[in-house]
Amino acid sequence: MKNNIYTENVVIREFKKCDVAVFEEWLYKDYIKQWFGDPKEWLDEVNNDDGKFDWINHFIVEYDSAPIGFCQYFDCKNAPEGFGWEKEPPGTFSIDYLIGEEAFLRKGIGSVIIQKLIALITARENPKSIIADPVKENKDSIKLLEKNGFTFDETSGFHKIAILM
């Protein structure tokens, strides 16, 4: 618990069409938009109207059943060429995450999201490693990853953690 935030109250659930509106609201917040870029690209991805993004698993993070954030993961072998993910060894999964509700910033929720997302990937997949690719100026995200065992790989430019089964 940190600032009366109980980690057991944090749940990651599948993203639903009804989540698009709140996700869109978050994407336009300055503190998110600066790192996530064009909201339209993210909305096209989660809407997935043409099935082009079937390889990505999207989730909503809830606290006490209220949506507070978003996260996703994908198997790097399914990623399109050009981003570097496709060059990762088999068994590598990539993650992204955000906290959309300001009241939950700097309360330890980011660590809980990362830990629960890793547990979810481990339960569903057979990961050998997990990577994240935050914008290098996003010092808060980098600190969060390092706090949770990720290290920077100079060769790939990704933050990585090995998963020991």
Protein backbone atom coordinates (compact mmCIF):
# COMPACT_ATOMS: atom_id res chain seq x y z
CA MET A 1 0.00 0.00 0.00
CA LYS A 2 1.20 3.51 -0.85
CA ASN A 3 -0.96 6.55 -0.13
CA ASN A 4 -3.91 4.25 0.67
CA ILE A 5 -3.63 2.45 -2.68
CA TYR A 6 -4.11 -1.29 -2.24
CA THR A 7 -2.36 -3.40 -4.87
CA GLU A 8 -4.92 -6.19 -4.57
CA ASN A 9 -7.56 -3.70 -5.82
CA VAL A 10 -5.69 -3.30 -9.13
CA VAL A 11 -7.06 -5.58 -11.86
CA ILE A 12 -6.05 -5.96 -15.50
CA ARG A 13 -8.95 -6.98 -17.73
CA GLU A 14 -9.50 -7.35 -21.47
CA PHE A 15 -10.10 -4.12 -23.39
CA LYS A 16 -13.69 -3.78 -24.64
CA LYS A 17 -15.27 -1.51 -27.26
CA CYS A 18 -16.95 0.40 -24.44
CA ASP A 19 -13.46 1.38 -23.17
CA VAL A 20 -12.58 3.37 -26.29
CA ALA A 21 -14.08 6.65 -25.01
CA VAL A 22 -12.12 6.71 -21.75
CA PHE A 23 -8.95 5.57 -23.53
CA GLU A 24 -9.38 8.41 -26.04
CA GLU A 25 -9.81 10.89 -23.19
CA TRP A 26 -6.53 9.70 -21.65
CA LEU A 27 -4.63 9.84 -24.95
CA TYR A 28 -5.36 13.55 -25.30
CA LYS A 29 -4.00 14.42 -21.85
CA ASP A 30 -0.73 16.33 -22.22
CA TYR A 31 1.26 14.09 -19.88
CA ILE A 32 0.29 11.05 -21.97
CA LYS A 33 0.25 12.55 -25.45
CA GLN A 34 3.87 13.70 -25.13
CA TRP A 35 4.99 10.06 -24.84
CA PHE A 36 2.33 8.18 -26.79
CA GLY A 37 2.13 10.45 -29.82
CA ASP A 38 -0.84 10.61 -32.18
CA PRO A 39 -4.01 9.48 -30.38
CA LYS A 40 -5.62 8.55 -33.72
CA GLU A 41 -3.01 5.84 -34.31
CA TRP A 42 -3.69 4.30 -30.89
CA LEU A 43 -7.45 4.51 -31.42
CA ASP A 44 -7.14 2.81 -34.82
CA GLU A 45 -5.14 0.08 -33.10
CA VAL A 46 -7.57 -0.64 -30.26
CA ASN A 47 -10.62 -0.37 -32.53
CA ASN A 48 -8.90 -2.83 -34.89
CA ASP A 49 -11.70 -2.49 -37.42
CA ASP A 50 -9.73 -4.20 -40.18
CA GLY A 51 -8.10 -6.91 -38.02
CA LYS A 52 -4.65 -5.48 -38.73
CA PHE A 53 -3.79 -5.41 -35.02
CA ASP A 54 -5.00 -8.86 -33.99
CA TRP A 55 -1.45 -9.62 -32.82
CA ILE A 56 -1.69 -7.09 -29.96
CA ASN A 57 -3.41 -7.85 -26.63
CA HIS A 58 -5.06 -4.73 -25.13
CA PHE A 59 -6.18 -4.31 -21.52
CA ILE A 60 -7.76 -1.80 -19.17
CA VAL A 61 -6.35 -1.36 -15.69
CA GLU A 62 -9.01 -0.95 -13.04
CA TYR A 63 -8.87 0.13 -9.42
CA ASP A 64 -11.93 -0.87 -7.40
CA SER A 65 -13.68 -1.65 -10.73
CA ALA A 66 -13.07 1.85 -12.15
CA PRO A 67 -10.84 2.26 -15.21
CA ILE A 68 -7.60 4.07 -14.38
CA GLY A 69 -5.15 2.95 -17.06
CA PHE A 70 -4.27 0.93 -20.12
CA CYS A 71 -1.68 -1.68 -20.96
CA GLN A 72 -0.90 -4.04 -23.79
CA TYR A 73 1.51 -6.74 -24.85
CA PHE A 74 2.48 -8.58 -27.99
CA ASP A 75 4.75 -11.36 -29.13
CA CYS A 76 7.64 -9.66 -30.95
CA LYS A 77 7.71 -12.39 -33.62
CA ASN A 78 4.33 -11.03 -34.81
CA ALA A 79 5.41 -7.39 -34.96
CA PRO A 80 5.75 -5.69 -38.34
CA GLU A 81 9.22 -4.97 -39.61
CA GLY A 82 10.83 -1.61 -39.09
CA PHE A 83 10.60 -1.09 -35.34
CA GLY A 84 13.29 -3.54 -34.22
CA TRP A 85 10.91 -5.73 -32.23
CA GLU A 86 10.89 -8.30 -35.02
CA LYS A 87 14.66 -8.80 -34.50
CA GLU A 88 14.21 -9.98 -30.91
CA PRO A 89 14.77 -13.68 -30.15
CA PRO A 90 11.80 -16.08 -29.99
CA GLY A 91 9.89 -15.84 -26.73
CA THR A 92 10.29 -12.05 -26.44
CA PHE A 93 7.18 -10.02 -25.64
CA SER A 94 6.84 -6.24 -25.62
CA ILE A 95 4.74 -4.17 -23.22
CA ASP A 96 3.25 -0.68 -23.09
CA TYR A 97 1.31 0.94 -20.25
CA LEU A 98 -0.15 4.21 -19.05
CA ILE A 99 -2.01 5.59 -16.06
CA GLY A 100 -4.86 7.71 -17.38
CA GLU A 101 -6.27 9.02 -14.13
CA GLU A 102 -4.05 11.66 -12.53
CA ALA A 103 -5.19 10.77 -9.00
CA PHE A 104 -3.29 7.48 -9.41
CA LEU A 105 0.02 8.95 -10.55
CA ARG A 106 3.00 8.59 -8.21
CA LYS A 107 1.17 6.12 -5.96
CA GLY A 108 3.00 2.92 -6.93
CA ILE A 109 0.35 1.82 -9.44
CA GLY A 110 2.87 1.78 -12.31
CA SER A 111 4.89 -0.94 -10.57
CA VAL A 112 1.74 -2.92 -9.88
CA ILE A 113 0.72 -2.67 -13.55
CA ILE A 114 4.12 -3.90 -14.73
CA GLN A 115 4.19 -6.76 -12.21
CA LYS A 116 0.62 -7.86 -13.00
CA LEU A 117 1.21 -7.56 -16.75
CA ILE A 118 4.33 -9.74 -16.49
CA ALA A 119 2.35 -12.29 -14.45
CA LEU A 120 -0.43 -12.23 -17.07
CA ILE A 121 2.02 -12.77 -19.94
CA THR A 122 3.74 -15.56 -18.01
CA ALA A 123 0.40 -17.29 -17.35
CA ARG A 124 -0.75 -17.04 -20.99
CA GLU A 125 2.46 -17.39 -22.96
CA ASN A 126 5.90 -18.93 -22.60
CA PRO A 127 8.01 -15.77 -22.37
CA LYS A 128 11.78 -15.86 -22.25
CA SER A 129 12.05 -12.10 -21.91
CA ILE A 130 9.92 -8.98 -21.89
CA ILE A 131 10.92 -5.67 -23.39
CA ALA A 132 9.71 -2.10 -23.20
CA ASP A 133 10.61 0.77 -25.47
CA PRO A 134 9.85 4.05 -23.69
CA VAL A 135 10.85 7.33 -25.30
CA LYS A 136 14.35 8.01 -23.96
CA GLU A 137 13.24 11.35 -22.49
CA ASN A 138 10.53 9.61 -20.46
CA LYS A 139 12.68 9.34 -17.35
CA ASP A 140 9.75 8.39 -15.09
CA SER A 141 8.92 5.34 -17.20
CA ILE A 142 12.58 4.32 -17.40
CA LYS A 143 12.94 4.58 -13.61
CA LEU A 144 9.78 2.52 -13.21
CA LEU A 145 11.11 -0.21 -15.50
CA GLU A 146 14.48 -0.28 -13.70
CA LYS A 147 12.72 -0.44 -10.33
CA ASN A 148 10.97 -3.57 -11.64
CA GLY A 149 14.11 -5.36 -12.83
CA PHE A 150 14.44 -4.16 -16.42
CA THR A 151 17.87 -3.20 -17.71
CA PHE A 152 18.80 -1.23 -20.79
CA ASP A 153 20.22 -3.26 -23.66
CA GLU A 154 22.65 -1.08 -25.62
CA THR A 155 22.48 -3.38 -28.66
CA SER A 156 18.72 -3.33 -29.18
CA GLY A 157 17.92 -0.04 -27.46
CA PHE A 158 15.16 -1.75 -25.45
CA HIS A 159 14.71 -2.18 -21.72
CA LYS A 160 14.61 -5.92 -20.99
CA ILE A 161 13.93 -8.40 -18.25
CA ALA A 162 14.56 -12.14 -18.44
CA ILE A 163 11.72 -14.38 -17.34
CA LEU A 164 12.81 -17.45 -15.44
CA MET A 165 10.26 -20.22 -15.50
